[in-house]
Amino acid sequence: MSAAPVDEVRAALTEQRGLLASVAAFSAAINILMLLPALYMLQVYDRVLASGNGDTLLMLTVLVLGLYALMGALEWLRGLLVIRLGDALDRRLAARVYDAGFDRQLGGGANPASQAVSDLNQVRQFLTGNAIFAFFDAPWAPLYLLVLFLFHPLLGALALVGALLLLALALVNERWSRQPLRQSGLLNAQAGKLAGDQIRQAETIQAMGMLTRVRGRWAEPHGEAVDQQHLASERAALITALTRTLRIALQSLMLGGGAWLAIQGDLTPGMMIAGSILIGRMLAPVEQVVGVWRQWTGTRLAHQRLCLLLGAYPPRAAGLALPAPSGALSVEGLSLAPPGGQRVTLVNLSFNLAAGEILGVVGESGSGKSSLARALVGVWPARAGKVRLDGADLHGWDRQRLGPWLGYLPQEVALFSGTVAENIARFGPVESERVVAAATEAGVHDLILRLPRGYDTVLGDGGAGLSGGQKQRIGLARALYGEPVLLVLDEPNANLDERGEAALAATLRGLKARGRSVVLITHRAGVLACTDKLLALKGGVAQAFGPTQKVLESLRAARGPAAPASAPGAYRVGHWGAGQ
């Protein structure tokens, strides 16, 4: 039987048990000092007013003010401690949660990866806010109840009944709001993902007049989320109003009951006033718990989501430190499906690529070309088979050590907020010579110099402000940065003009001359003359593999005599589109 997954959030809090113990100790001292107002009023009514002694009043006042100052200092220190607790939790889990969210995104998870970071922030904010103090203060309510019973059993019984009523309201609040809040959270996540996906396609939506319809798709889960939130809020508002009314009524009843007992001679006037103060103090934490229950419920759901996420995506194991690879690539019986999907996009694919060779990959749209690219750089795990670099399984490498040896240019080039130089340097230390060398090799150096601030030009999210061709060439420079031994280029010439394609061909020849291995996925024939080998895919299966000239001839023969004969550099592969 497998062991139950560790609750990493709870484990992180357990590591801070010293801080939690200090918060609990300070809470104990603060709640004991909270007896001061009642005791002060008791002494004033029963001793000072009875004796008429001003000196006693002065000494009592000075003493109680000093103790109030101590209580205030303890409150301040307690607040600092929970802030430190939140910081410690964040230091312990922030990178771990980020990595798990990242892995879920790679694995095709249903929830947006940003949800994980939001959940951690919600837990941290709850721990560092005033809401947490309600749970530390509530256990001290029995102390005030005991003092009330010491004053008179009737006062204690009245306070006990009031506390039980408030607790019952808290339970009703939790039961009523649990399901609407959970449903609202799920619908909000769904609506947020829809909105993000739609806004990223704003140009397409605007051009084809789709705004009303796509907004309607978002509005449905958003409206349901708001309705569920309203339902939970309405119920919480009712419970909060009942709780506040009950607490005020109980204080008045305590005062009235104390007055009646004082008339009967069973209680002093000081005890009557002190009893009214004490019941207010006793019920305050309970009322606080009711007031923050919605926040607590949201935090508990965030904690549950974090536990599920961290349990599903354990910490990445550090791979073996292997020698620097030469770029020899071998694919052995590779079968592949998108993470979270069932449709197989590659079936039992095998081929070898020696260091310094260039492999062209062609095929119809949906033939598995982009799936192969993702497998070759370790983005998608194999369902069966292996991808090996210099004989070592790609997934056996430590990703941080392997990354610099790989260059990857996806179909949809993703540039990030930051300078052009930072993007090319993969957000590592910007070494000017290496950045310029990569840009020059990619044929984009002159283009970058014409930008407003050259290499220091700040790009927006996704490379906003650049054309598709400019983004593609800067993405190529990033793939080339640091002299990687294996480059996987998915449609690198899709957005290039003739001049850009000529520069790409020159880049490929330079890589081959330096012994770099390249996998080039393309549907345009202009760069096929640079390849040593060609892999033709159809329906996820290798249709042909071998030397480029030989594969082109076999493909022409397979297409029949009607196919025009031409030189390898002019061979038409346009009927094989880009795709997965």
Protein backbone atom coordinates (compact mmCIF):
# COMPACT_ATOMS: atom_id res chain seq x y z
CA MET A 1 0.00 0.00 0.00
CA SER A 2 1.46 3.38 -1.01
CA ALA A 3 2.00 5.96 1.71
CA ALA A 4 -0.41 8.87 1.94
CA PRO A 5 0.96 12.05 0.36
CA VAL A 6 2.59 14.46 2.79
CA ASP A 7 0.70 17.69 3.48
CA GLU A 8 3.57 20.01 2.61
CA VAL A 9 1.74 23.12 3.83
CA ARG A 10 1.16 21.57 7.23
CA ALA A 11 4.76 20.30 7.27
CA ALA A 12 6.01 23.82 6.51
CA LEU A 13 3.95 25.20 9.40
CA THR A 14 5.21 22.43 11.68
CA GLU A 15 8.75 23.58 10.95
CA GLN A 16 7.73 26.93 12.43
CA ARG A 17 6.31 25.40 15.61
CA GLY A 18 8.51 27.72 17.67
CA LEU A 19 6.86 30.79 16.13
CA LEU A 20 3.41 29.26 16.54
CA ALA A 21 4.15 28.48 20.20
CA SER A 22 5.25 32.09 20.73
CA VAL A 23 2.05 33.39 19.11
CA ALA A 24 0.02 31.08 21.37
CA ALA A 25 1.95 32.25 24.46
CA PHE A 26 1.45 35.91 23.59
CA SER A 27 -2.24 35.21 22.94
CA ALA A 28 -2.50 33.63 26.40
CA ALA A 29 -0.92 36.67 28.04
CA ILE A 30 -3.10 39.08 26.05
CA ASN A 31 -6.29 37.24 26.93
CA ILE A 32 -5.39 37.19 30.63
CA LEU A 33 -4.71 40.92 30.47
CA MET A 34 -8.12 41.34 28.79
CA LEU A 35 -9.58 40.75 32.26
CA LEU A 36 -8.23 44.16 33.25
CA PRO A 37 -11.22 46.30 32.17
CA ALA A 38 -13.62 44.12 34.16
CA LEU A 39 -11.35 44.01 37.22
CA TYR A 40 -10.76 47.76 37.04
CA MET A 41 -14.50 48.48 36.94
CA LEU A 42 -15.05 46.00 39.79
CA GLN A 43 -12.51 47.81 41.99
CA VAL A 44 -13.80 51.27 41.06
CA TYR A 45 -17.43 50.45 41.87
CA ASP A 46 -16.90 48.27 44.92
CA ARG A 47 -13.84 49.85 46.50
CA VAL A 48 -13.18 53.38 45.27
CA LEU A 49 -16.78 54.61 45.22
CA ALA A 50 -17.51 52.88 48.53
CA SER A 51 -14.48 54.39 50.27
CA GLY A 52 -14.29 57.68 48.39
CA ASN A 53 -10.49 57.35 48.37
CA GLY A 54 -8.94 59.28 45.46
CA ASP A 55 -5.45 57.88 46.08
CA THR A 56 -6.73 54.35 45.53
CA LEU A 57 -8.37 55.43 42.27
CA LEU A 58 -5.10 57.06 41.12
CA MET A 59 -3.00 54.00 41.93
CA LEU A 60 -5.48 51.65 40.26
CA THR A 61 -5.56 53.85 37.15
CA VAL A 62 -1.75 54.09 36.89
CA LEU A 63 -1.43 50.32 37.36
CA VAL A 64 -4.06 49.46 34.77
CA LEU A 65 -2.60 51.92 32.23
CA GLY A 66 0.82 50.29 32.62
CA LEU A 67 -0.70 46.88 32.07
CA TYR A 68 -2.58 48.20 29.02
CA ALA A 69 0.76 49.40 27.61
CA LEU A 70 2.17 45.91 28.16
CA MET A 71 -0.86 44.38 26.42
CA GLY A 72 -0.42 46.73 23.46
CA ALA A 73 3.26 45.76 23.17
CA LEU A 74 2.32 42.09 23.23
CA GLU A 75 -0.28 42.69 20.50
CA TRP A 76 2.37 44.38 18.37
CA LEU A 77 4.86 41.56 18.91
CA ARG A 78 2.21 38.96 18.14
CA GLY A 79 1.48 40.74 14.86
CA LEU A 80 5.19 40.73 13.97
CA LEU A 81 5.39 37.01 14.72
CA VAL A 82 2.58 36.07 12.35
CA ILE A 83 4.18 38.23 9.65
CA ARG A 84 7.40 36.27 10.14
CA LEU A 85 5.35 33.07 10.00
CA GLY A 86 3.89 34.09 6.63
CA ASP A 87 7.34 35.00 5.30
CA ALA A 88 8.77 31.65 6.43
CA LEU A 89 5.89 29.79 4.75
CA ASP A 90 6.46 31.72 1.54
CA ARG A 91 10.22 31.04 1.55
CA ARG A 92 9.59 27.36 2.16
CA LEU A 93 6.84 26.82 -0.43
CA ALA A 94 6.86 29.60 -3.05
CA ALA A 95 9.39 27.97 -5.40
CA ARG A 96 7.89 24.53 -4.77
CA VAL A 97 4.35 25.72 -5.62
CA TYR A 98 5.61 27.60 -8.68
CA ASP A 99 7.39 24.48 -9.95
CA ALA A 100 4.34 22.28 -9.30
CA GLY A 101 2.09 24.75 -11.15
CA PHE A 102 4.63 24.81 -13.98
CA ASP A 103 4.62 21.01 -14.14
CA ARG A 104 0.82 20.96 -14.15
CA GLN A 105 0.84 23.36 -17.11
CA LEU A 106 3.29 21.10 -18.95
CA GLY A 107 1.10 18.12 -18.08
CA GLY A 108 -2.02 19.70 -19.55
CA GLY A 109 -3.75 20.30 -16.21
CA ALA A 110 -7.29 21.64 -16.27
CA ASN A 111 -6.75 24.51 -13.82
CA PRO A 112 -4.59 27.51 -14.77
CA ALA A 113 -1.09 27.31 -13.31
CA SER A 114 -1.49 30.78 -11.76
CA GLN A 115 -4.17 29.33 -9.46
CA ALA A 116 -1.45 27.61 -7.42
CA VAL A 117 0.38 30.87 -6.71
CA SER A 118 -2.93 32.58 -5.82
CA ASP A 119 -3.77 29.76 -3.41
CA LEU A 120 -0.43 30.10 -1.64
CA ASN A 121 -0.93 33.87 -1.38
CA GLN A 122 -4.39 33.31 0.13
CA VAL A 123 -3.02 30.95 2.79
CA ARG A 124 -0.15 33.33 3.58
CA GLN A 125 -2.44 36.36 3.81
CA PHE A 126 -4.77 34.53 6.16
CA LEU A 127 -1.86 33.62 8.43
CA THR A 128 -0.51 37.18 8.50
CA GLY A 129 -3.85 38.95 8.97
CA ASN A 130 -6.01 39.64 11.99
CA ALA A 131 -8.35 36.77 11.12
CA ILE A 132 -5.91 34.19 12.49
CA PHE A 133 -6.04 35.82 15.95
CA ALA A 134 -9.70 34.87 16.30
CA PHE A 135 -8.69 31.21 16.36
CA PHE A 136 -5.96 31.88 18.94
CA ASP A 137 -8.30 33.93 21.14
CA ALA A 138 -11.41 31.74 20.97
CA PRO A 139 -9.96 28.95 23.21
CA TRP A 140 -9.68 31.53 26.04
CA ALA A 141 -13.42 32.16 26.14
CA PRO A 142 -13.81 29.50 28.90
CA LEU A 143 -11.58 31.65 31.15
CA TYR A 144 -14.08 34.52 31.02
CA LEU A 145 -16.93 32.05 31.43
CA LEU A 146 -15.29 30.68 34.59
CA VAL A 147 -14.99 34.18 36.09
CA LEU A 148 -18.69 34.80 35.34
CA PHE A 149 -19.63 31.56 37.11
CA LEU A 150 -17.53 32.72 40.08
CA PHE A 151 -19.50 35.96 40.12
CA HIS A 152 -22.82 34.07 40.08
CA PRO A 153 -24.07 30.81 38.50
CA LEU A 154 -26.91 32.65 36.75
CA LEU A 155 -24.48 34.97 34.97
CA GLY A 156 -22.34 32.02 33.95
CA ALA A 157 -25.34 30.07 32.66
CA LEU A 158 -26.53 33.07 30.64
CA ALA A 159 -23.07 33.47 29.09
CA LEU A 160 -22.83 29.74 28.35
CA VAL A 161 -26.18 29.68 26.56
CA GLY A 162 -25.15 32.74 24.52
CA ALA A 163 -21.83 31.17 23.54
CA LEU A 164 -23.54 27.94 22.47
CA LEU A 165 -26.01 29.92 20.34
CA LEU A 166 -23.15 31.78 18.64
CA LEU A 167 -21.31 28.52 17.99
CA ALA A 168 -24.47 27.05 16.50
CA LEU A 169 -24.72 30.05 14.18
CA ALA A 170 -21.07 29.55 13.19
CA LEU A 171 -21.77 25.92 12.29
CA VAL A 172 -24.87 26.90 10.30
CA ASN A 173 -22.78 29.52 8.49
CA GLU A 174 -20.12 26.96 7.60
CA ARG A 175 -22.66 24.41 6.37
CA TRP A 176 -24.61 26.97 4.34
CA SER A 177 -21.63 28.63 2.70
CA ARG A 178 -19.34 25.63 2.07
CA GLN A 179 -20.85 24.38 -1.19
CA PRO A 180 -21.60 27.80 -2.79
CA LEU A 181 -18.06 29.00 -2.06
CA ARG A 182 -16.49 25.84 -3.47
CA GLN A 183 -18.66 26.04 -6.59
CA SER A 184 -17.91 29.74 -6.97
CA GLY A 185 -14.16 29.06 -6.80
CA LEU A 186 -14.34 26.38 -9.50
CA LEU A 187 -16.47 28.54 -11.79
CA ASN A 188 -14.22 31.56 -11.26
CA ALA A 189 -11.18 29.52 -12.25
CA GLN A 190 -13.00 28.30 -15.36
CA ALA A 191 -14.13 31.82 -16.28
CA GLY A 192 -10.65 33.23 -15.68
CA LYS A 193 -9.07 30.66 -17.97
CA LEU A 194 -11.64 31.37 -20.68
CA ALA A 195 -11.09 35.12 -20.39
CA GLY A 196 -7.31 34.72 -20.57
CA ASP A 197 -7.51 32.48 -23.64
CA GLN A 198 -9.94 34.83 -25.38
CA ILE A 199 -8.04 38.04 -24.64
CA ARG A 200 -4.86 36.53 -26.04
CA GLN A 201 -6.74 36.15 -29.33
CA ALA A 202 -8.10 39.72 -29.28
CA GLU A 203 -7.02 40.51 -32.85
CA THR A 204 -8.83 37.51 -34.32
CA ILE A 205 -11.95 38.23 -32.26
CA GLN A 206 -11.99 41.88 -33.32
CA ALA A 207 -11.34 41.16 -37.00
CA MET A 208 -14.19 38.69 -37.33
CA GLY A 209 -16.73 40.37 -35.07
CA MET A 210 -16.74 37.56 -32.53
CA LEU A 211 -16.63 39.68 -29.37
CA THR A 212 -20.27 39.30 -28.36
CA ARG A 213 -20.26 35.55 -28.87
CA VAL A 214 -16.97 34.79 -27.11
CA ARG A 215 -17.90 37.15 -24.28
CA GLY A 216 -21.12 35.16 -23.93
CA ARG A 217 -19.09 31.98 -23.47
CA TRP A 218 -17.16 33.69 -20.66
CA ALA A 219 -20.25 35.33 -19.15
CA GLU A 220 -21.98 31.99 -18.49
CA PRO A 221 -19.49 30.56 -15.93
CA HIS A 222 -18.74 34.06 -14.64
CA GLY A 223 -22.43 34.73 -13.99
CA GLU A 224 -22.87 31.37 -12.27
CA ALA A 225 -19.81 32.10 -10.10
CA VAL A 226 -21.24 35.49 -9.12
CA ASP A 227 -24.61 33.89 -8.33
CA GLN A 228 -22.96 31.31 -6.06
CA GLN A 229 -20.88 34.05 -4.42
CA HIS A 230 -24.02 36.12 -3.86
CA LEU A 231 -25.77 33.13 -2.30
CA ALA A 232 -22.88 32.52 0.10
CA SER A 233 -22.60 36.24 0.89
CA GLU A 234 -26.32 36.60 1.55
CA ARG A 235 -26.27 33.66 3.94
CA ALA A 236 -23.13 34.98 5.65
CA ALA A 237 -24.69 38.43 5.98
CA LEU A 238 -27.76 36.93 7.68
CA ILE A 239 -25.64 34.92 10.12
CA THR A 240 -23.40 37.93 10.84
CA ALA A 241 -26.43 40.14 11.58
CA LEU A 242 -27.93 37.50 13.87
CA THR A 243 -24.60 37.03 15.63
CA ARG A 244 -24.09 40.75 16.25
CA THR A 245 -27.67 41.22 17.44
CA LEU A 246 -27.41 38.25 19.76
CA ARG A 247 -24.12 39.49 21.26
CA ILE A 248 -25.52 42.97 21.97
CA ALA A 249 -28.71 41.48 23.41
CA LEU A 250 -26.69 39.15 25.65
CA GLN A 251 -24.64 42.06 27.00
CA SER A 252 -27.84 43.92 27.85
CA LEU A 253 -29.35 40.79 29.40
CA MET A 254 -26.16 40.31 31.42
CA LEU A 255 -26.40 43.87 32.67
CA GLY A 256 -30.10 43.47 33.45
CA GLY A 257 -29.56 40.11 35.14
CA GLY A 258 -26.70 41.57 37.17
CA ALA A 259 -28.87 44.48 38.23
CA TRP A 260 -31.63 42.12 39.34
CA LEU A 261 -29.12 40.08 41.36
CA ALA A 262 -27.71 43.29 42.85
CA ILE A 263 -31.21 44.33 43.90
CA GLN A 264 -31.59 40.94 45.58
CA GLY A 265 -28.28 41.47 47.35
CA ASP A 266 -26.63 38.48 45.59
CA LEU A 267 -24.20 40.61 43.59
CA THR A 268 -22.31 43.86 44.03
CA PRO A 269 -22.71 46.74 41.54
CA GLY A 270 -19.08 46.25 40.50
CA MET A 271 -19.74 42.63 39.61
CA MET A 272 -22.78 43.71 37.62
CA ILE A 273 -20.68 46.06 35.44
CA ALA A 274 -17.75 43.66 35.26
CA GLY A 275 -20.08 40.84 34.18
CA SER A 276 -21.37 42.91 31.26
CA ILE A 277 -17.78 43.63 30.16
CA LEU A 278 -16.71 40.01 30.54
CA ILE A 279 -19.51 38.53 28.44
CA GLY A 280 -18.66 40.98 25.68
CA ARG A 281 -15.05 39.89 25.84
CA MET A 282 -16.01 36.20 25.99
CA LEU A 283 -18.27 36.42 22.95
CA ALA A 284 -15.96 38.66 20.89
CA PRO A 285 -13.65 35.84 19.68
CA VAL A 286 -16.65 33.68 18.85
CA GLU A 287 -18.17 36.54 16.86
CA GLN A 288 -14.80 37.08 15.17
CA VAL A 289 -14.70 33.44 14.12
CA VAL A 290 -18.18 33.78 12.61
CA GLY A 291 -17.10 36.98 10.84
CA VAL A 292 -13.97 35.46 9.30
CA TRP A 293 -15.55 32.10 8.53
CA ARG A 294 -15.95 32.96 4.85
CA GLN A 295 -12.25 33.88 4.66
CA TRP A 296 -11.36 30.72 6.57
CA THR A 297 -13.46 28.59 4.21
CA GLY A 298 -11.72 30.10 1.18
CA THR A 299 -8.33 29.52 2.80
CA ARG A 300 -9.20 25.93 3.60
CA LEU A 301 -10.22 25.31 -0.01
CA ALA A 302 -6.97 26.93 -1.18
CA HIS A 303 -5.07 24.65 1.20
CA GLN A 304 -6.87 21.60 -0.17
CA ARG A 305 -6.04 22.60 -3.75
CA LEU A 306 -2.39 23.10 -2.79
CA CYS A 307 -2.26 19.68 -1.16
CA LEU A 308 -3.71 18.03 -4.27
CA LEU A 309 -1.31 19.92 -6.53
CA LEU A 310 1.81 19.24 -4.48
CA GLY A 311 0.81 15.60 -4.03
CA ALA A 312 0.28 15.14 -7.77
CA TYR A 313 3.54 16.88 -8.72
CA PRO A 314 6.31 15.93 -6.28
CA PRO A 315 9.60 17.84 -6.23
CA ARG A 316 11.75 17.26 -9.26
CA ALA A 317 14.50 14.78 -8.57
CA ALA A 318 17.97 16.07 -9.37
CA GLY A 319 19.19 14.16 -12.40
CA LEU A 320 22.65 12.73 -12.77
CA ALA A 321 25.44 15.16 -13.68
CA LEU A 322 26.57 13.80 -17.04
CA PRO A 323 29.50 14.87 -19.22
CA ALA A 324 28.92 17.55 -21.84
CA PRO A 325 27.06 15.93 -24.78
CA SER A 326 28.28 15.96 -28.36
CA GLY A 327 24.77 16.12 -29.86
CA ALA A 328 24.27 12.50 -30.99
CA LEU A 329 20.50 11.89 -30.93
CA SER A 330 18.66 8.58 -30.97
CA VAL A 331 14.93 7.94 -30.84
CA GLU A 332 13.92 4.39 -29.89
CA GLY A 333 10.36 3.15 -30.40
CA LEU A 334 8.87 6.51 -29.44
CA SER A 335 5.11 6.67 -28.97
CA LEU A 336 3.63 9.93 -27.81
CA ALA A 337 0.37 11.54 -26.76
CA PRO A 338 -0.21 15.09 -25.50
CA PRO A 339 -0.14 15.31 -21.68
CA GLY A 340 -3.63 14.72 -20.38
CA GLY A 341 -4.79 13.54 -23.82
CA GLN A 342 -5.51 10.12 -25.23
CA ARG A 343 -4.96 10.63 -28.96
CA VAL A 344 -1.58 9.19 -29.94
CA THR A 345 0.34 11.58 -32.20
CA LEU A 346 3.47 9.47 -32.76
CA VAL A 347 3.65 5.68 -33.03
CA ASN A 348 6.78 3.55 -32.62
CA LEU A 349 9.15 6.07 -34.17
CA SER A 350 12.87 5.25 -34.33
CA PHE A 351 15.82 7.04 -35.95
CA ASN A 352 19.38 8.15 -35.23
CA LEU A 353 21.15 11.43 -35.85
CA ALA A 354 24.92 11.69 -35.55
CA ALA A 355 26.53 14.73 -34.00
CA GLY A 356 26.83 17.52 -36.55
CA GLU A 357 24.04 16.24 -38.84
CA ILE A 358 20.95 18.19 -39.84
CA LEU A 359 17.64 16.32 -39.97
CA GLY A 360 14.70 17.71 -41.88
CA VAL A 361 11.21 16.65 -40.76
CA VAL A 362 8.27 17.04 -43.13
CA GLY A 363 4.70 15.85 -43.14
CA GLU A 364 1.11 16.85 -43.49
CA SER A 365 -0.66 18.96 -40.90
CA GLY A 366 -1.37 16.78 -37.88
CA SER A 367 1.30 14.24 -38.79
CA GLY A 368 3.10 14.64 -35.43
CA LYS A 369 5.95 17.01 -36.35
CA SER A 370 5.47 19.47 -33.48
CA SER A 371 4.80 16.60 -31.09
CA LEU A 372 8.19 15.18 -32.06
CA ALA A 373 9.83 18.55 -31.43
CA ARG A 374 8.38 18.68 -27.92
CA ALA A 375 9.56 15.14 -27.21
CA LEU A 376 13.10 15.84 -28.45
CA VAL A 377 13.55 18.68 -25.95
CA GLY A 378 11.89 16.81 -23.08
CA VAL A 379 8.72 18.91 -22.88
CA TRP A 380 6.38 15.97 -23.45
CA PRO A 381 7.19 12.64 -21.81
CA ALA A 382 7.11 9.53 -23.97
CA ARG A 383 4.20 7.14 -23.57
CA ALA A 384 6.59 4.43 -24.77
CA GLY A 385 10.15 4.37 -25.99
CA LYS A 386 13.11 6.67 -25.31
CA VAL A 387 14.75 9.81 -26.56
CA ARG A 388 18.49 9.68 -25.91
CA LEU A 389 21.18 12.33 -26.13
CA ASP A 390 24.65 10.80 -26.34
CA GLY A 391 23.10 7.52 -25.18
CA ALA A 392 21.51 8.97 -22.02
CA ASP A 393 17.73 9.11 -21.58
CA LEU A 394 16.70 12.73 -21.93
CA HIS A 395 14.59 12.53 -18.78
CA GLY A 396 17.57 11.23 -16.80
CA TRP A 397 19.37 14.53 -17.17
CA ASP A 398 19.15 17.33 -14.64
CA ARG A 399 17.05 19.89 -16.51
CA GLN A 400 19.10 22.85 -15.33
CA ARG A 401 22.28 21.22 -16.62
CA LEU A 402 20.70 19.96 -19.84
CA GLY A 403 19.00 23.24 -20.80
CA PRO A 404 22.13 25.12 -21.96
CA TRP A 405 23.01 22.23 -24.30
CA LEU A 406 19.64 22.47 -26.08
CA GLY A 407 18.24 25.13 -28.37
CA TYR A 408 14.49 25.15 -29.04
CA LEU A 409 12.42 27.34 -31.32
CA PRO A 410 8.72 26.42 -31.04
CA GLN A 411 6.14 27.21 -33.69
CA GLU A 412 4.62 29.92 -31.53
CA VAL A 413 7.62 31.92 -30.34
CA ALA A 414 7.22 32.97 -26.71
CA LEU A 415 9.18 36.08 -25.73
CA PHE A 416 8.89 37.47 -22.22
CA SER A 417 8.76 40.83 -20.50
CA GLY A 418 12.32 42.13 -20.36
CA THR A 419 14.98 43.47 -22.67
CA VAL A 420 15.90 41.91 -25.99
CA ALA A 421 19.30 40.98 -24.52
CA GLU A 422 17.69 39.27 -21.49
CA ASN A 423 15.42 37.26 -23.79
CA ILE A 424 18.32 36.10 -25.94
CA ALA A 425 20.41 35.26 -22.84
CA ARG A 426 17.50 33.13 -21.52
CA PHE A 427 17.25 35.48 -18.52
CA GLY A 428 20.59 34.37 -17.19
CA PRO A 429 23.59 36.68 -16.76
CA VAL A 430 23.75 38.82 -19.91
CA GLU A 431 27.15 38.23 -21.49
CA SER A 432 27.31 40.84 -24.23
CA GLU A 433 29.68 38.97 -26.53
CA ARG A 434 27.63 35.78 -26.46
CA VAL A 435 24.35 37.69 -26.95
CA VAL A 436 25.69 39.57 -29.96
CA ALA A 437 27.24 36.37 -31.36
CA ALA A 438 23.89 34.54 -31.15
CA ALA A 439 22.02 37.47 -32.70
CA THR A 440 24.57 37.75 -35.49
CA GLU A 441 24.38 34.04 -36.23
CA ALA A 442 20.58 34.27 -36.35
CA GLY A 443 20.85 37.20 -38.77
CA VAL A 444 19.00 39.53 -36.44
CA HIS A 445 21.84 41.75 -35.14
CA ASP A 446 21.18 44.62 -37.57
CA LEU A 447 17.44 44.42 -36.94
CA ILE A 448 17.99 44.70 -33.17
CA LEU A 449 20.27 47.71 -33.61
CA ARG A 450 17.41 49.50 -35.37
CA LEU A 451 15.08 49.03 -32.37
CA PRO A 452 14.59 52.15 -30.18
CA ARG A 453 17.20 51.10 -27.61
CA GLY A 454 18.90 48.28 -29.44
CA TYR A 455 19.57 45.28 -27.25
CA ASP A 456 18.22 47.22 -24.23
CA THR A 457 14.79 47.64 -25.82
CA VAL A 458 12.18 46.43 -23.34
CA LEU A 459 9.64 43.99 -24.79
CA GLY A 460 6.12 43.54 -23.53
CA ASP A 461 4.48 40.22 -22.72
CA GLY A 462 4.77 37.84 -25.66
CA GLY A 463 7.17 40.20 -27.45
CA ALA A 464 4.49 42.86 -27.91
CA GLY A 465 5.64 45.49 -30.39
CA LEU A 466 7.51 43.10 -32.68
CA SER A 467 6.31 41.53 -35.92
CA GLY A 468 6.00 37.77 -36.26
CA GLY A 469 9.20 37.56 -38.29
CA GLN A 470 11.13 39.69 -35.77
CA LYS A 471 9.96 37.54 -32.87
CA GLN A 472 10.89 34.40 -34.76
CA ARG A 473 14.42 35.61 -35.48
CA ILE A 474 14.98 36.78 -31.90
CA GLY A 475 13.63 33.40 -30.77
CA LEU A 476 16.19 31.76 -33.06
CA ALA A 477 18.96 33.86 -31.48
CA ARG A 478 17.80 32.64 -28.07
CA ALA A 479 17.90 29.03 -29.29
CA LEU A 480 21.46 29.60 -30.57
CA TYR A 481 22.69 31.33 -27.40
CA GLY A 482 25.51 29.55 -25.61
CA GLU A 483 26.46 27.20 -28.47
CA PRO A 484 23.98 24.35 -27.75
CA VAL A 485 24.90 20.97 -29.23
CA LEU A 486 21.33 20.09 -30.31
CA LEU A 487 18.84 22.52 -31.83
CA VAL A 488 15.20 21.69 -32.50
CA LEU A 489 13.65 24.30 -34.80
CA ASP A 490 9.91 24.02 -35.43
CA GLU A 491 8.96 25.98 -38.56
CA PRO A 492 11.78 28.54 -38.12
CA ASN A 493 11.03 30.05 -41.53
CA ALA A 494 7.24 30.25 -41.20
CA ASN A 495 7.25 34.05 -40.82
CA LEU A 496 10.43 34.84 -42.74
CA ASP A 497 10.73 36.57 -46.09
CA GLU A 498 13.24 35.49 -48.74
CA ARG A 499 16.03 37.47 -47.12
CA GLY A 500 15.26 35.94 -43.71
CA GLU A 501 15.14 32.45 -45.19
CA ALA A 502 18.52 32.99 -46.84
CA ALA A 503 19.91 34.09 -43.46
CA LEU A 504 18.44 30.94 -41.90
CA ALA A 505 20.11 28.76 -44.51
CA ALA A 506 23.43 30.47 -43.76
CA THR A 507 22.87 29.85 -40.05
CA LEU A 508 22.25 26.16 -40.67
CA ARG A 509 25.41 25.83 -42.72
CA GLY A 510 27.38 27.53 -39.94
CA LEU A 511 25.95 25.16 -37.32
CA LYS A 512 26.83 22.14 -39.43
CA ALA A 513 30.37 23.43 -39.90
CA ARG A 514 30.79 23.64 -36.11
CA GLY A 515 29.43 20.13 -35.54
CA ARG A 516 26.06 21.11 -34.09
CA SER A 517 23.10 18.75 -34.53
CA VAL A 518 19.88 20.26 -35.84
CA VAL A 519 16.33 18.92 -36.18
CA LEU A 520 14.58 21.19 -38.66
CA ILE A 521 10.80 20.93 -39.00
CA THR A 522 9.54 22.71 -42.09
CA HIS A 523 6.94 22.66 -44.85
CA ARG A 524 8.96 24.96 -47.11
CA ALA A 525 11.52 23.47 -49.47
CA GLY A 526 14.04 26.30 -49.47
CA VAL A 527 16.07 25.00 -46.53
CA LEU A 528 15.89 21.27 -47.26
CA ALA A 529 19.09 21.52 -49.29
CA CYS A 530 20.89 22.17 -45.99
CA THR A 531 19.78 18.88 -44.46
CA ASP A 532 21.69 15.60 -44.36
CA LYS A 533 18.74 13.37 -43.55
CA LEU A 534 15.00 13.62 -44.02
CA LEU A 535 12.17 12.16 -41.97
CA ALA A 536 8.70 12.09 -43.53
CA LEU A 537 5.79 11.61 -41.14
CA LYS A 538 2.22 10.68 -41.95
CA GLY A 539 -0.42 10.12 -39.29
CA GLY A 540 2.24 9.88 -36.57
CA VAL A 541 4.11 7.09 -38.40
CA ALA A 542 7.46 7.35 -40.20
CA GLN A 543 6.75 7.18 -43.91
CA ALA A 544 10.41 7.45 -44.89
CA PHE A 545 13.77 8.15 -43.27
CA GLY A 546 17.27 8.37 -44.68
CA PRO A 547 19.58 10.64 -46.66
CA THR A 548 17.69 13.67 -47.92
CA GLN A 549 18.17 12.99 -51.65
CA LYS A 550 17.16 9.35 -51.33
CA VAL A 551 14.00 10.16 -49.29
CA LEU A 552 12.96 12.88 -51.73
CA GLU A 553 13.29 10.46 -54.64
CA SER A 554 11.27 7.79 -52.83
CA LEU A 555 8.55 10.32 -52.01
CA ARG A 556 8.39 11.48 -55.62
CA ALA A 557 8.07 7.87 -56.72
CA ALA A 558 5.30 7.29 -54.19
CA ARG A 559 3.40 10.31 -55.51
CA GLY A 560 3.42 8.92 -59.02
CA PRO A 561 4.71 10.05 -62.42
CA ALA A 562 2.56 13.18 -62.39
CA ALA A 563 4.76 14.68 -59.72
CA PRO A 564 7.21 17.21 -61.17
CA ALA A 565 10.89 16.37 -60.92
CA SER A 566 13.08 19.05 -59.46
CA ALA A 567 16.27 19.56 -57.55
CA PRO A 568 16.23 18.84 -53.81
CA GLY A 569 16.34 22.51 -52.97
CA ALA A 570 13.21 23.13 -55.01
CA TYR A 571 11.24 20.05 -53.96
CA ARG A 572 7.68 21.08 -53.15
CA VAL A 573 6.54 20.06 -49.70
CA GLY A 574 3.87 22.72 -49.41
CA HIS A 575 1.13 20.08 -49.31
CA TRP A 576 2.53 19.04 -45.91
CA GLY A 577 1.49 21.85 -43.60
CA ALA A 578 2.72 22.81 -40.20
CA GLY A 579 0.93 21.13 -37.37
CA GLN A 580 1.09 18.77 -34.43
